[in-house]
Amino acid sequence: MSDFSSVSALLEELCAAKGVSGAENEAAAVAASLLSKYMPVKVDSLGSVTGTMGGGGVHILLDAHLDQIGLIVTAIDEDGFLKVTKCGGADIRVLAASEVTVHGKEKIFGVVTSTPPHLSTPEDSGKAKGFDDIAIDIGMSREEAEKVVSLGDRITFNGKFVRLLGNRISSPSVDNRAGVAAVLRCLELLDGKKLNCKISVIFSVQEETGGSGAQVGAFAANADEAIAVDVSFASAPNVSSEKYASLGKGAMIGYAPLLDYDMSKKLSEIADKKNIPCQIEVMGRNTGTNCDQIQVAGNGVKTALISVPLRNMHTAIEVCDLEDIESTARLMAEYIIERSGADA
């Protein structure tokens, strides 16, 4: 079994930093510190972490989004319970009885209320409640809650970073800290190589709420080509085999109408030539990732997508395989090396 302890430590550090869409400051600070080992870093007007290195040759942009899904406080009721709505694609089916952290004036532990089965009506049995029907219990009266919680405060789902058997881990916010980790690992693999190209990086904000961070960042970078790294669906019970990849079998190379076909083919050829495990993901329309915004930024950008297979997406127990992050990083590094004309 391969040792992916360094990738695991990198991912754990990234996953520990909180950053729900529109409030990514903590995650951005960690990502900026890690990126600064390889290039000068700045934070743009929306909060995305950006950097550029190199000079002549092809200009390649690497993007991975920083934000994680969560909740946002919409009201405090007369009994001190917090009313919420989703911020990003939070899965309502798994919220009841879950543990959360409210990021108010201080970090406050809370639990999502759950009706005991003894008191449920037959009509409610086995059904998930809507967002209008759930609340967060922080153990405070309304007066106490209003001193530390404000409308608009973000809420994250509690969970631990856990090493599973083999090379697999489980944690909240692997979507998309796995992509950030892959880009950083790619830069580590390229460190010290003489590259005849320019590399820009965006650790973008607000992907889960529409992709504005990537759109603004890609416009500012004005690159020739872009590779976005995100997560996609991994094998799971009751999921069609045509809609997922397998954990541990490599990076997922995307093919879709808005993705540049030549870039996708080149990535597939490099994976085959360099014996990098990879899988193919085909989409008939848009990708649901930052590629959709990057491709139409400025005068248009040739764009490719590489995804890390992820199980239990948009929950507090997302599962990925560290080997797939390493495969993604190696594939990007080898692509950059080939495009720059450098020696491997």
C-alpha atoms as a PDB file:
ATOM      1  CA  MET A   1       0.000   0.000   0.000  1.00  0.00           C
ATOM      2  CA  SER A   2       1.317   3.438  -0.948  1.00  0.00           C
ATOM      3  CA  ASP A   3       2.032   6.040   1.715  1.00  0.00           C
ATOM      4  CA  PHE A   4      -0.111   9.131   1.195  1.00  0.00           C
ATOM      5  CA  SER A   5       0.544  10.616   4.637  1.00  0.00           C
ATOM      6  CA  SER A   6       1.631  13.994   3.231  1.00  0.00           C
ATOM      7  CA  VAL A   7      -1.499  14.280   1.062  1.00  0.00           C
ATOM      8  CA  SER A   8      -3.606  13.215   4.039  1.00  0.00           C
ATOM      9  CA  ALA A   9      -2.049  15.863   6.291  1.00  0.00           C
ATOM     10  CA  LEU A  10      -2.569  18.530   3.628  1.00  0.00           C
ATOM     11  CA  LEU A  11      -6.215  17.581   3.130  1.00  0.00           C
ATOM     12  CA  GLU A  12      -6.864  17.418   6.879  1.00  0.00           C
ATOM     13  CA  GLU A  13      -5.511  20.949   7.343  1.00  0.00           C
ATOM     14  CA  LEU A  14      -7.702  22.239   4.533  1.00  0.00           C
ATOM     15  CA  CYS A  15     -10.848  20.434   5.707  1.00  0.00           C
ATOM     16  CA  ALA A  16     -10.446  21.773   9.242  1.00  0.00           C
ATOM     17  CA  ALA A  17     -10.765  25.376   8.024  1.00  0.00           C
ATOM     18  CA  LYS A  18     -14.368  26.550   7.758  1.00  0.00           C
ATOM     19  CA  GLY A  19     -15.683  28.467   4.770  1.00  0.00           C
ATOM     20  CA  VAL A  20     -19.334  28.341   3.757  1.00  0.00           C
ATOM     21  CA  SER A  21     -20.084  30.172   0.507  1.00  0.00           C
ATOM     22  CA  GLY A  22     -19.729  33.921   0.901  1.00  0.00           C
ATOM     23  CA  ALA A  23     -17.850  33.559   4.194  1.00  0.00           C
ATOM     24  CA  GLU A  24     -14.685  31.722   3.161  1.00  0.00           C
ATOM     25  CA  ASN A  25     -12.199  33.843   5.149  1.00  0.00           C
ATOM     26  CA  GLU A  26     -10.879  31.076   7.405  1.00  0.00           C
ATOM     27  CA  ALA A  27     -10.435  28.586   4.569  1.00  0.00           C
ATOM     28  CA  ALA A  28      -8.923  31.297   2.363  1.00  0.00           C
ATOM     29  CA  ALA A  29      -6.312  32.155   5.002  1.00  0.00           C
ATOM     30  CA  VAL A  30      -5.172  28.526   5.212  1.00  0.00           C
ATOM     31  CA  ALA A  31      -5.125  28.092   1.423  1.00  0.00           C
ATOM     32  CA  ALA A  32      -3.217  31.362   0.953  1.00  0.00           C
ATOM     33  CA  SER A  33      -0.566  30.279   3.431  1.00  0.00           C
ATOM     34  CA  LEU A  34      -0.104  26.948   1.647  1.00  0.00           C
ATOM     35  CA  LEU A  35      -0.067  28.502  -1.840  1.00  0.00           C
ATOM     36  CA  SER A  36       2.492  31.142  -0.819  1.00  0.00           C
ATOM     37  CA  LYS A  37       5.147  28.399  -0.680  1.00  0.00           C
ATOM     38  CA  TYR A  38       5.085  28.351  -4.488  1.00  0.00           C
ATOM     39  CA  MET A  39       4.104  31.830  -5.715  1.00  0.00           C
ATOM     40  CA  PRO A  40       3.168  35.349  -4.618  1.00  0.00           C
ATOM     41  CA  VAL A  41      -0.413  35.355  -3.343  1.00  0.00           C
ATOM     42  CA  LYS A  42      -3.198  37.902  -3.131  1.00  0.00           C
ATOM     43  CA  VAL A  43      -6.909  37.867  -2.329  1.00  0.00           C
ATOM     44  CA  ASP A  44      -9.174  39.393  -4.960  1.00  0.00           C
ATOM     45  CA  SER A  45     -12.245  41.592  -4.518  1.00  0.00           C
ATOM     46  CA  LEU A  46     -14.599  38.631  -3.987  1.00  0.00           C
ATOM     47  CA  GLY A  47     -12.273  36.810  -1.583  1.00  0.00           C
ATOM     48  CA  SER A  48     -10.724  34.204  -3.890  1.00  0.00           C
ATOM     49  CA  VAL A  49      -7.072  33.323  -3.284  1.00  0.00           C
ATOM     50  CA  THR A  50      -5.007  33.908  -6.425  1.00  0.00           C
ATOM     51  CA  GLY A  51      -1.386  33.620  -7.496  1.00  0.00           C
ATOM     52  CA  THR A  52       0.797  33.581 -10.600  1.00  0.00           C
ATOM     53  CA  MET A  53       4.305  32.362 -11.376  1.00  0.00           C
ATOM     54  CA  GLY A  54       6.466  31.988 -14.472  1.00  0.00           C
ATOM     55  CA  GLY A  55       6.629  34.115 -17.576  1.00  0.00           C
ATOM     56  CA  GLY A  56       6.664  33.169 -21.261  1.00  0.00           C
ATOM     57  CA  GLY A  57       4.966  30.340 -23.064  1.00  0.00           C
ATOM     58  CA  VAL A  58       1.418  29.078 -22.677  1.00  0.00           C
ATOM     59  CA  HIS A  59      -0.550  30.529 -19.754  1.00  0.00           C
ATOM     60  CA  ILE A  60      -2.353  27.779 -17.808  1.00  0.00           C
ATOM     61  CA  LEU A  61      -4.906  28.487 -15.086  1.00  0.00           C
ATOM     62  CA  LEU A  62      -5.585  25.957 -12.304  1.00  0.00           C
ATOM     63  CA  ASP A  63      -8.828  26.387 -10.375  1.00  0.00           C
ATOM     64  CA  ALA A  64     -10.357  24.667  -7.351  1.00  0.00           C
ATOM     65  CA  HIS A  65     -13.135  26.127  -5.247  1.00  0.00           C
ATOM     66  CA  LEU A  66     -12.664  26.879  -1.554  1.00  0.00           C
ATOM     67  CA  ASP A  67     -16.220  27.091  -0.318  1.00  0.00           C
ATOM     68  CA  GLN A  68     -18.201  24.341   1.359  1.00  0.00           C
ATOM     69  CA  ILE A  69     -21.948  23.827   1.626  1.00  0.00           C
ATOM     70  CA  GLY A  70     -23.703  24.866   4.811  1.00  0.00           C
ATOM     71  CA  LEU A  71     -26.669  26.772   6.226  1.00  0.00           C
ATOM     72  CA  ILE A  72     -27.440  30.432   6.849  1.00  0.00           C
ATOM     73  CA  VAL A  73     -29.489  31.868   9.735  1.00  0.00           C
ATOM     74  CA  THR A  74     -32.754  33.482   8.571  1.00  0.00           C
ATOM     75  CA  ALA A  75     -34.522  34.096  11.908  1.00  0.00           C
ATOM     76  CA  ILE A  76     -34.464  33.525  15.680  1.00  0.00           C
ATOM     77  CA  ASP A  77     -37.871  32.421  16.940  1.00  0.00           C
ATOM     78  CA  GLU A  78     -39.523  33.377  20.232  1.00  0.00           C
ATOM     79  CA  ASP A  79     -38.083  30.292  21.968  1.00  0.00           C
ATOM     80  CA  GLY A  80     -34.494  30.885  20.810  1.00  0.00           C
ATOM     81  CA  PHE A  81     -34.455  28.296  18.019  1.00  0.00           C
ATOM     82  CA  LEU A  82     -32.629  29.331  14.846  1.00  0.00           C
ATOM     83  CA  LYS A  83     -34.465  29.139  11.560  1.00  0.00           C
ATOM     84  CA  VAL A  84     -32.258  28.478   8.544  1.00  0.00           C
ATOM     85  CA  THR A  85     -32.048  27.911   4.832  1.00  0.00           C
ATOM     86  CA  LYS A  86     -29.389  26.190   2.788  1.00  0.00           C
ATOM     87  CA  CYS A  87     -26.269  27.963   1.566  1.00  0.00           C
ATOM     88  CA  GLY A  88     -25.224  25.782  -1.328  1.00  0.00           C
ATOM     89  CA  GLY A  89     -26.676  22.332  -1.946  1.00  0.00           C
ATOM     90  CA  ALA A  90     -27.116  21.055   1.606  1.00  0.00           C
ATOM     91  CA  ASP A  91     -28.957  17.721   1.626  1.00  0.00           C
ATOM     92  CA  ILE A  92     -32.150  18.129   3.682  1.00  0.00           C
ATOM     93  CA  ARG A  93     -32.477  14.338   3.993  1.00  0.00           C
ATOM     94  CA  VAL A  94     -29.522  14.016   6.392  1.00  0.00           C
ATOM     95  CA  LEU A  95     -30.016  17.130   8.533  1.00  0.00           C
ATOM     96  CA  ALA A  96     -32.410  15.903  11.231  1.00  0.00           C
ATOM     97  CA  ALA A  97     -30.575  15.219  14.538  1.00  0.00           C
ATOM     98  CA  SER A  98     -27.212  16.286  13.108  1.00  0.00           C
ATOM     99  CA  GLU A  99     -24.628  18.380  14.971  1.00  0.00           C
ATOM    100  CA  VAL A 100     -23.665  21.826  13.694  1.00  0.00           C
ATOM    101  CA  THR A 101     -21.545  24.868  14.541  1.00  0.00           C
ATOM    102  CA  VAL A 102     -23.045  28.334  14.311  1.00  0.00           C
ATOM    103  CA  HIS A 103     -20.420  30.904  13.339  1.00  0.00           C
ATOM    104  CA  GLY A 104     -21.740  33.921  15.231  1.00  0.00           C
ATOM    105  CA  LYS A 105     -19.866  36.325  17.454  1.00  0.00           C
ATOM    106  CA  GLU A 106     -18.349  33.115  18.774  1.00  0.00           C
ATOM    107  CA  LYS A 107     -18.542  29.496  17.599  1.00  0.00           C
ATOM    108  CA  ILE A 108     -21.663  27.931  19.097  1.00  0.00           C
ATOM    109  CA  PHE A 109     -22.513  24.225  19.176  1.00  0.00           C
ATOM    110  CA  GLY A 110     -26.022  23.359  18.009  1.00  0.00           C
ATOM    111  CA  VAL A 111     -28.193  20.425  17.014  1.00  0.00           C
ATOM    112  CA  VAL A 112     -30.848  20.162  14.333  1.00  0.00           C
ATOM    113  CA  THR A 113     -34.178  19.393  15.932  1.00  0.00           C
ATOM    114  CA  SER A 114     -35.795  16.035  15.272  1.00  0.00           C
ATOM    115  CA  THR A 115     -39.352  14.891  16.038  1.00  0.00           C
ATOM    116  CA  PRO A 116     -39.346  11.594  17.991  1.00  0.00           C
ATOM    117  CA  PRO A 117     -40.826   8.721  15.969  1.00  0.00           C
ATOM    118  CA  HIS A 118     -43.435   8.229  18.713  1.00  0.00           C
ATOM    119  CA  LEU A 119     -44.864  11.683  17.919  1.00  0.00           C
ATOM    120  CA  SER A 120     -44.632  11.556  14.143  1.00  0.00           C
ATOM    121  CA  THR A 121     -47.814  11.265  12.145  1.00  0.00           C
ATOM    122  CA  PRO A 122     -48.197   8.363   9.710  1.00  0.00           C
ATOM    123  CA  GLU A 123     -48.018  10.925   6.894  1.00  0.00           C
ATOM    124  CA  ASP A 124     -44.623  12.182   8.150  1.00  0.00           C
ATOM    125  CA  SER A 125     -43.085   8.747   8.676  1.00  0.00           C
ATOM    126  CA  GLY A 126     -40.006   8.243   6.555  1.00  0.00           C
ATOM    127  CA  LYS A 127     -40.119  11.740   5.073  1.00  0.00           C
ATOM    128  CA  ALA A 128     -37.497  14.488   5.345  1.00  0.00           C
ATOM    129  CA  LYS A 129     -38.804  17.826   6.580  1.00  0.00           C
ATOM    130  CA  GLY A 130     -38.395  20.945   4.481  1.00  0.00           C
ATOM    131  CA  PHE A 131     -36.178  23.839   5.523  1.00  0.00           C
ATOM    132  CA  ASP A 132     -39.232  25.750   6.781  1.00  0.00           C
ATOM    133  CA  ASP A 133     -39.870  22.952   9.278  1.00  0.00           C
ATOM    134  CA  ILE A 134     -36.410  22.462  10.803  1.00  0.00           C
ATOM    135  CA  ALA A 135     -34.648  24.519  13.447  1.00  0.00           C
ATOM    136  CA  ILE A 136     -31.305  24.677  15.231  1.00  0.00           C
ATOM    137  CA  ASP A 137     -31.331  24.253  19.005  1.00  0.00           C
ATOM    138  CA  ILE A 138     -28.403  26.108  20.640  1.00  0.00           C
ATOM    139  CA  GLY A 139     -29.796  25.845  24.177  1.00  0.00           C
ATOM    140  CA  MET A 140     -30.484  29.569  24.541  1.00  0.00           C
ATOM    141  CA  SER A 141     -33.470  31.813  24.994  1.00  0.00           C
ATOM    142  CA  ARG A 142     -34.255  34.320  22.260  1.00  0.00           C
ATOM    143  CA  GLU A 143     -32.699  37.122  24.311  1.00  0.00           C
ATOM    144  CA  GLU A 144     -29.502  35.116  24.890  1.00  0.00           C
ATOM    145  CA  ALA A 145     -29.299  33.969  21.263  1.00  0.00           C
ATOM    146  CA  GLU A 146     -29.649  37.492  19.867  1.00  0.00           C
ATOM    147  CA  LYS A 147     -26.519  38.547  21.787  1.00  0.00           C
ATOM    148  CA  VAL A 148     -24.289  36.078  19.941  1.00  0.00           C
ATOM    149  CA  VAL A 149     -26.112  35.140  16.721  1.00  0.00           C
ATOM    150  CA  SER A 150     -27.058  37.475  13.870  1.00  0.00           C
ATOM    151  CA  LEU A 151     -29.216  36.889  10.829  1.00  0.00           C
ATOM    152  CA  GLY A 152     -26.926  35.885   7.980  1.00  0.00           C
ATOM    153  CA  ASP A 153     -24.472  33.963  10.164  1.00  0.00           C
ATOM    154  CA  ARG A 154     -23.236  30.763   8.538  1.00  0.00           C
ATOM    155  CA  ILE A 155     -23.594  27.255   9.958  1.00  0.00           C
ATOM    156  CA  THR A 156     -21.309  24.293   9.241  1.00  0.00           C
ATOM    157  CA  PHE A 157     -21.928  20.585   9.746  1.00  0.00           C
ATOM    158  CA  ASN A 158     -19.826  18.963  12.456  1.00  0.00           C
ATOM    159  CA  GLY A 159     -17.739  15.926  11.654  1.00  0.00           C
ATOM    160  CA  LYS A 160     -14.249  14.518  12.083  1.00  0.00           C
ATOM    161  CA  PHE A 161     -11.447  13.922   9.625  1.00  0.00           C
ATOM    162  CA  VAL A 162     -11.074  10.147   9.869  1.00  0.00           C
ATOM    163  CA  ARG A 163      -8.673   7.756   8.164  1.00  0.00           C
ATOM    164  CA  LEU A 164     -10.602   4.727   6.950  1.00  0.00           C
ATOM    165  CA  LEU A 165      -9.063   1.471   5.802  1.00  0.00           C
ATOM    166  CA  GLY A 166      -6.667   1.610   2.875  1.00  0.00           C
ATOM    167  CA  ASN A 167      -6.153   5.096   1.462  1.00  0.00           C
ATOM    168  CA  ARG A 168      -9.633   6.412   2.167  1.00  0.00           C
ATOM    169  CA  ILE A 169     -10.669   9.271   4.435  1.00  0.00           C
ATOM    170  CA  SER A 170     -13.980  10.684   5.595  1.00  0.00           C
ATOM    171  CA  SER A 171     -14.608  14.322   6.499  1.00  0.00           C
ATOM    172  CA  PRO A 172     -16.876  17.292   5.956  1.00  0.00           C
ATOM    173  CA  SER A 173     -15.883  19.737   3.161  1.00  0.00           C
ATOM    174  CA  VAL A 174     -13.877  17.273   1.070  1.00  0.00           C
ATOM    175  CA  ASP A 175     -15.948  19.016  -1.621  1.00  0.00           C
ATOM    176  CA  ASN A 176     -13.840  20.773  -2.631  1.00  0.00           C
ATOM    177  CA  ARG A 177     -10.798  20.853  -0.367  1.00  0.00           C
ATOM    178  CA  ALA A 178      -9.750  17.704  -2.235  1.00  0.00           C
ATOM    179  CA  GLY A 179      -9.414  19.860  -5.351  1.00  0.00           C
ATOM    180  CA  VAL A 180      -7.405  22.492  -3.481  1.00  0.00           C
ATOM    181  CA  ALA A 181      -5.136  19.744  -2.127  1.00  0.00           C
ATOM    182  CA  ALA A 182      -4.650  18.328  -5.637  1.00  0.00           C
ATOM    183  CA  VAL A 183      -3.583  21.722  -7.023  1.00  0.00           C
ATOM    184  CA  LEU A 184      -1.139  22.259  -4.143  1.00  0.00           C
ATOM    185  CA  ARG A 185       0.269  18.756  -4.592  1.00  0.00           C
ATOM    186  CA  CYS A 186       0.653  19.464  -8.339  1.00  0.00           C
ATOM    187  CA  LEU A 187       2.692  22.582  -7.546  1.00  0.00           C
ATOM    188  CA  GLU A 188       4.850  20.530  -5.181  1.00  0.00           C
ATOM    189  CA  LEU A 189       5.541  18.036  -7.982  1.00  0.00           C
ATOM    190  CA  LEU A 190       6.508  20.912 -10.306  1.00  0.00           C
ATOM    191  CA  ASP A 191       8.652  22.709  -7.728  1.00  0.00           C
ATOM    192  CA  GLY A 192      12.226  23.140  -8.962  1.00  0.00           C
ATOM    193  CA  LYS A 193      11.458  22.271 -12.592  1.00  0.00           C
ATOM    194  CA  LYS A 194      12.330  24.755 -15.339  1.00  0.00           C
ATOM    195  CA  LEU A 195       9.016  25.414 -17.003  1.00  0.00           C
ATOM    196  CA  ASN A 196       8.547  27.524 -20.106  1.00  0.00           C
ATOM    197  CA  CYS A 197       5.030  28.568 -19.190  1.00  0.00           C
ATOM    198  CA  LYS A 198       2.998  30.806 -16.921  1.00  0.00           C
ATOM    199  CA  ILE A 199       0.859  29.241 -14.195  1.00  0.00           C
ATOM    200  CA  SER A 200      -1.997  31.011 -12.442  1.00  0.00           C
ATOM    201  CA  VAL A 201      -3.988  29.546  -9.566  1.00  0.00           C
ATOM    202  CA  ILE A 202      -7.440  30.468  -8.273  1.00  0.00           C
ATOM    203  CA  PHE A 203      -8.801  28.979  -5.072  1.00  0.00           C
ATOM    204  CA  SER A 204     -12.202  30.398  -5.823  1.00  0.00           C
ATOM    205  CA  VAL A 205     -15.109  31.384  -3.627  1.00  0.00           C
ATOM    206  CA  GLN A 206     -18.853  30.865  -4.096  1.00  0.00           C
ATOM    207  CA  GLU A 207     -18.825  27.876  -6.437  1.00  0.00           C
ATOM    208  CA  GLU A 208     -21.630  26.243  -4.465  1.00  0.00           C
ATOM    209  CA  THR A 209     -23.828  29.299  -5.031  1.00  0.00           C
ATOM    210  CA  GLY A 210     -23.189  29.933  -8.719  1.00  0.00           C
ATOM    211  CA  GLY A 211     -19.475  30.182  -9.519  1.00  0.00           C
ATOM    212  CA  SER A 212     -18.966  33.947  -9.384  1.00  0.00           C
ATOM    213  CA  GLY A 213     -15.492  33.577  -7.827  1.00  0.00           C
ATOM    214  CA  ALA A 214     -14.196  31.532 -10.747  1.00  0.00           C
ATOM    215  CA  GLN A 215     -15.789  33.808 -13.323  1.00  0.00           C
ATOM    216  CA  VAL A 216     -14.164  36.920 -11.876  1.00  0.00           C
ATOM    217  CA  GLY A 217     -10.848  35.152 -11.270  1.00  0.00           C
ATOM    218  CA  ALA A 218     -10.668  33.674 -14.758  1.00  0.00           C
ATOM    219  CA  PHE A 219     -11.431  37.072 -16.318  1.00  0.00           C
ATOM    220  CA  ALA A 220      -8.602  38.652 -14.310  1.00  0.00           C
ATOM    221  CA  ALA A 221      -6.127  35.853 -15.105  1.00  0.00           C
ATOM    222  CA  ASN A 222      -6.813  35.986 -18.861  1.00  0.00           C
ATOM    223  CA  ALA A 223      -5.173  32.591 -19.370  1.00  0.00           C
ATOM    224  CA  ASP A 224      -4.858  30.599 -22.589  1.00  0.00           C
ATOM    225  CA  GLU A 225      -6.083  27.373 -21.007  1.00  0.00           C
ATOM    226  CA  ALA A 226      -7.651  26.318 -17.737  1.00  0.00           C
ATOM    227  CA  ILE A 227      -8.001  23.130 -15.741  1.00  0.00           C
ATOM    228  CA  ALA A 228     -10.656  23.116 -13.031  1.00  0.00           C
ATOM    229  CA  VAL A 229     -10.442  20.494 -10.299  1.00  0.00           C
ATOM    230  CA  ASP A 230     -13.580  19.473  -8.447  1.00  0.00           C
ATOM    231  CA  VAL A 231     -15.189  16.335  -7.074  1.00  0.00           C
ATOM    232  CA  SER A 232     -17.694  14.075  -8.785  1.00  0.00           C
ATOM    233  CA  PHE A 233     -19.776  11.052  -7.898  1.00  0.00           C
ATOM    234  CA  ALA A 234     -18.188   7.843  -6.649  1.00  0.00           C
ATOM    235  CA  SER A 235     -19.754   4.400  -6.506  1.00  0.00           C
ATOM    236  CA  ALA A 236     -22.475   3.928  -3.913  1.00  0.00           C
ATOM    237  CA  PRO A 237     -25.453   1.638  -3.325  1.00  0.00           C
ATOM    238  CA  ASN A 238     -28.562   2.501  -5.355  1.00  0.00           C
ATOM    239  CA  VAL A 239     -26.644   4.750  -7.777  1.00  0.00           C
ATOM    240  CA  SER A 240     -26.554   3.863 -11.470  1.00  0.00           C
ATOM    241  CA  SER A 241     -23.137   2.627 -12.602  1.00  0.00           C
ATOM    242  CA  GLU A 242     -23.389   5.019 -15.548  1.00  0.00           C
ATOM    243  CA  LYS A 243     -23.377   8.004 -13.188  1.00  0.00           C
ATOM    244  CA  TYR A 244     -20.357   7.325 -11.005  1.00  0.00           C
ATOM    245  CA  ALA A 245     -16.682   6.377 -10.969  1.00  0.00           C
ATOM    246  CA  SER A 246     -14.863   4.035  -8.602  1.00  0.00           C
ATOM    247  CA  LEU A 247     -12.910   5.135  -5.558  1.00  0.00           C
ATOM    248  CA  GLY A 248      -9.196   4.433  -5.859  1.00  0.00           C
ATOM    249  CA  LYS A 249      -9.178   3.986  -9.640  1.00  0.00           C
ATOM    250  CA  GLY A 250      -7.876   7.421 -10.501  1.00  0.00           C
ATOM    251  CA  ALA A 251      -8.753  10.924 -11.591  1.00  0.00           C
ATOM    252  CA  MET A 252     -11.915  11.501 -13.626  1.00  0.00           C
ATOM    253  CA  ILE A 253     -11.243  13.264 -16.953  1.00  0.00           C
ATOM    254  CA  GLY A 254     -14.291  15.156 -18.119  1.00  0.00           C
ATOM    255  CA  TYR A 255     -15.776  15.204 -21.620  1.00  0.00           C
ATOM    256  CA  ALA A 256     -18.619  17.643 -22.267  1.00  0.00           C
ATOM    257  CA  PRO A 257     -19.733  20.088 -25.000  1.00  0.00           C
ATOM    258  CA  LEU A 258     -18.280  23.111 -23.192  1.00  0.00           C
ATOM    259  CA  LEU A 259     -14.992  21.376 -22.332  1.00  0.00           C
ATOM    260  CA  ASP A 260     -12.181  21.618 -24.853  1.00  0.00           C
ATOM    261  CA  TYR A 261     -12.060  18.233 -26.599  1.00  0.00           C
ATOM    262  CA  ASP A 262      -8.365  18.463 -27.482  1.00  0.00           C
ATOM    263  CA  MET A 263      -7.442  19.183 -23.857  1.00  0.00           C
ATOM    264  CA  SER A 264      -9.523  16.244 -22.620  1.00  0.00           C
ATOM    265  CA  LYS A 265      -7.902  13.944 -25.188  1.00  0.00           C
ATOM    266  CA  LYS A 266      -4.430  15.213 -24.291  1.00  0.00           C
ATOM    267  CA  LEU A 267      -5.066  14.520 -20.603  1.00  0.00           C
ATOM    268  CA  SER A 268      -6.230  10.992 -21.477  1.00  0.00           C
ATOM    269  CA  GLU A 269      -3.147  10.396 -23.630  1.00  0.00           C
ATOM    270  CA  ILE A 270      -0.800  11.645 -20.911  1.00  0.00           C
ATOM    271  CA  ALA A 271      -2.492   9.435 -18.320  1.00  0.00           C
ATOM    272  CA  ASP A 272      -1.973   6.427 -20.582  1.00  0.00           C
ATOM    273  CA  LYS A 273       1.638   7.336 -21.420  1.00  0.00           C
ATOM    274  CA  LYS A 274       2.632   8.031 -17.804  1.00  0.00           C
ATOM    275  CA  ASN A 275       0.622   5.152 -16.292  1.00  0.00           C
ATOM    276  CA  ILE A 276      -1.512   7.503 -14.229  1.00  0.00           C
ATOM    277  CA  PRO A 277      -4.799   5.874 -13.168  1.00  0.00           C
ATOM    278  CA  CYS A 278      -7.755   7.686 -14.716  1.00  0.00           C
ATOM    279  CA  GLN A 279     -11.441   7.298 -15.469  1.00  0.00           C
ATOM    280  CA  ILE A 280     -13.670   9.037 -18.002  1.00  0.00           C
ATOM    281  CA  GLU A 281     -16.688  11.143 -17.070  1.00  0.00           C
ATOM    282  CA  VAL A 282     -19.085  12.179 -19.859  1.00  0.00           C
ATOM    283  CA  MET A 283     -21.636  14.987 -19.492  1.00  0.00           C
ATOM    284  CA  GLY A 284     -24.153  15.911 -22.181  1.00  0.00           C
ATOM    285  CA  ARG A 285     -24.614  19.568 -21.242  1.00  0.00           C
ATOM    286  CA  ASN A 286     -22.879  21.749 -18.663  1.00  0.00           C
ATOM    287  CA  THR A 287     -20.635  20.320 -15.955  1.00  0.00           C
ATOM    288  CA  GLY A 288     -22.083  21.846 -12.777  1.00  0.00           C
ATOM    289  CA  THR A 289     -18.562  23.029 -11.899  1.00  0.00           C
ATOM    290  CA  ASN A 290     -16.504  26.209 -12.271  1.00  0.00           C
ATOM    291  CA  CYS A 291     -15.729  25.134 -15.844  1.00  0.00           C
ATOM    292  CA  ASP A 292     -19.117  26.516 -16.833  1.00  0.00           C
ATOM    293  CA  GLN A 293     -18.038  30.016 -15.761  1.00  0.00           C
ATOM    294  CA  ILE A 294     -14.341  29.849 -16.700  1.00  0.00           C
ATOM    295  CA  GLN A 295     -15.035  28.805 -20.285  1.00  0.00           C
ATOM    296  CA  VAL A 296     -16.978  32.010 -21.047  1.00  0.00           C
ATOM    297  CA  ALA A 297     -14.814  34.440 -19.056  1.00  0.00           C
ATOM    298  CA  GLY A 298     -13.341  37.325 -21.059  1.00  0.00           C
ATOM    299  CA  ASN A 299     -12.828  36.298 -24.660  1.00  0.00           C
ATOM    300  CA  GLY A 300     -13.310  32.633 -23.757  1.00  0.00           C
ATOM    301  CA  VAL A 301     -10.898  30.105 -22.250  1.00  0.00           C
ATOM    302  CA  LYS A 302     -10.155  26.563 -23.415  1.00  0.00           C
ATOM    303  CA  THR A 303     -11.124  24.563 -20.350  1.00  0.00           C
ATOM    304  CA  ALA A 304     -10.698  21.013 -19.047  1.00  0.00           C
ATOM    305  CA  LEU A 305     -12.125  19.299 -15.975  1.00  0.00           C
ATOM    306  CA  ILE A 306     -10.456  16.764 -13.699  1.00  0.00           C
ATOM    307  CA  SER A 307     -12.519  15.416 -10.817  1.00  0.00           C
ATOM    308  CA  VAL A 308     -11.783  13.441  -7.658  1.00  0.00           C
ATOM    309  CA  PRO A 309     -14.376  10.687  -7.053  1.00  0.00           C
ATOM    310  CA  LEU A 310     -16.381  11.416  -3.893  1.00  0.00           C
ATOM    311  CA  ARG A 311     -18.925   9.363  -1.988  1.00  0.00           C
ATOM    312  CA  ASN A 312     -21.704  10.892   0.189  1.00  0.00           C
ATOM    313  CA  MET A 313     -21.392  14.313  -1.479  1.00  0.00           C
ATOM    314  CA  HIS A 314     -22.787  17.339   0.402  1.00  0.00           C
ATOM    315  CA  THR A 315     -22.830  15.609   3.784  1.00  0.00           C
ATOM    316  CA  ALA A 316     -20.590  15.635   6.874  1.00  0.00           C
ATOM    317  CA  ILE A 317     -19.208  12.190   5.989  1.00  0.00           C
ATOM    318  CA  GLU A 318     -17.852  12.665   2.483  1.00  0.00           C
ATOM    319  CA  VAL A 319     -15.443   9.881   1.499  1.00  0.00           C
ATOM    320  CA  CYS A 320     -12.577   9.996  -0.978  1.00  0.00           C
ATOM    321  CA  ASP A 321      -9.449   8.010  -1.738  1.00  0.00           C
ATOM    322  CA  LEU A 322      -6.102   9.793  -1.305  1.00  0.00           C
ATOM    323  CA  GLU A 323      -4.739   7.894  -4.302  1.00  0.00           C
ATOM    324  CA  ASP A 324      -7.255   9.695  -6.529  1.00  0.00           C
ATOM    325  CA  ILE A 325      -6.019  13.083  -5.278  1.00  0.00           C
ATOM    326  CA  GLU A 326      -2.457  12.021  -6.050  1.00  0.00           C
ATOM    327  CA  SER A 327      -3.493  10.828  -9.542  1.00  0.00           C
ATOM    328  CA  THR A 328      -5.201  14.171 -10.185  1.00  0.00           C
ATOM    329  CA  ALA A 329      -2.107  16.085  -9.080  1.00  0.00           C
ATOM    330  CA  ARG A 330       0.245  13.946 -11.183  1.00  0.00           C
ATOM    331  CA  LEU A 331      -1.960  14.286 -14.256  1.00  0.00           C
ATOM    332  CA  MET A 332      -2.019  18.087 -14.002  1.00  0.00           C
ATOM    333  CA  ALA A 333       1.735  18.222 -13.402  1.00  0.00           C
ATOM    334  CA  GLU A 334       2.519  16.025 -16.392  1.00  0.00           C
ATOM    335  CA  TYR A 335       0.163  18.054 -18.591  1.00  0.00           C
ATOM    336  CA  ILE A 336       1.912  21.291 -17.587  1.00  0.00           C
ATOM    337  CA  ILE A 337       5.338  19.756 -18.145  1.00  0.00           C
ATOM    338  CA  GLU A 338       4.366  18.629 -21.647  1.00  0.00           C
ATOM    339  CA  ARG A 339       2.698  21.929 -22.575  1.00  0.00           C
ATOM    340  CA  SER A 340       5.741  23.881 -21.368  1.00  0.00           C
ATOM    341  CA  GLY A 341       8.212  21.721 -23.244  1.00  0.00           C
ATOM    342  CA  ALA A 342      10.153  20.950 -20.053  1.00  0.00           C
ATOM    343  CA  ASP A 343      11.959  17.714 -19.296  1.00  0.00           C
ATOM    344  CA  ALA A 344       9.981  15.339 -17.082  1.00  0.00           C
END
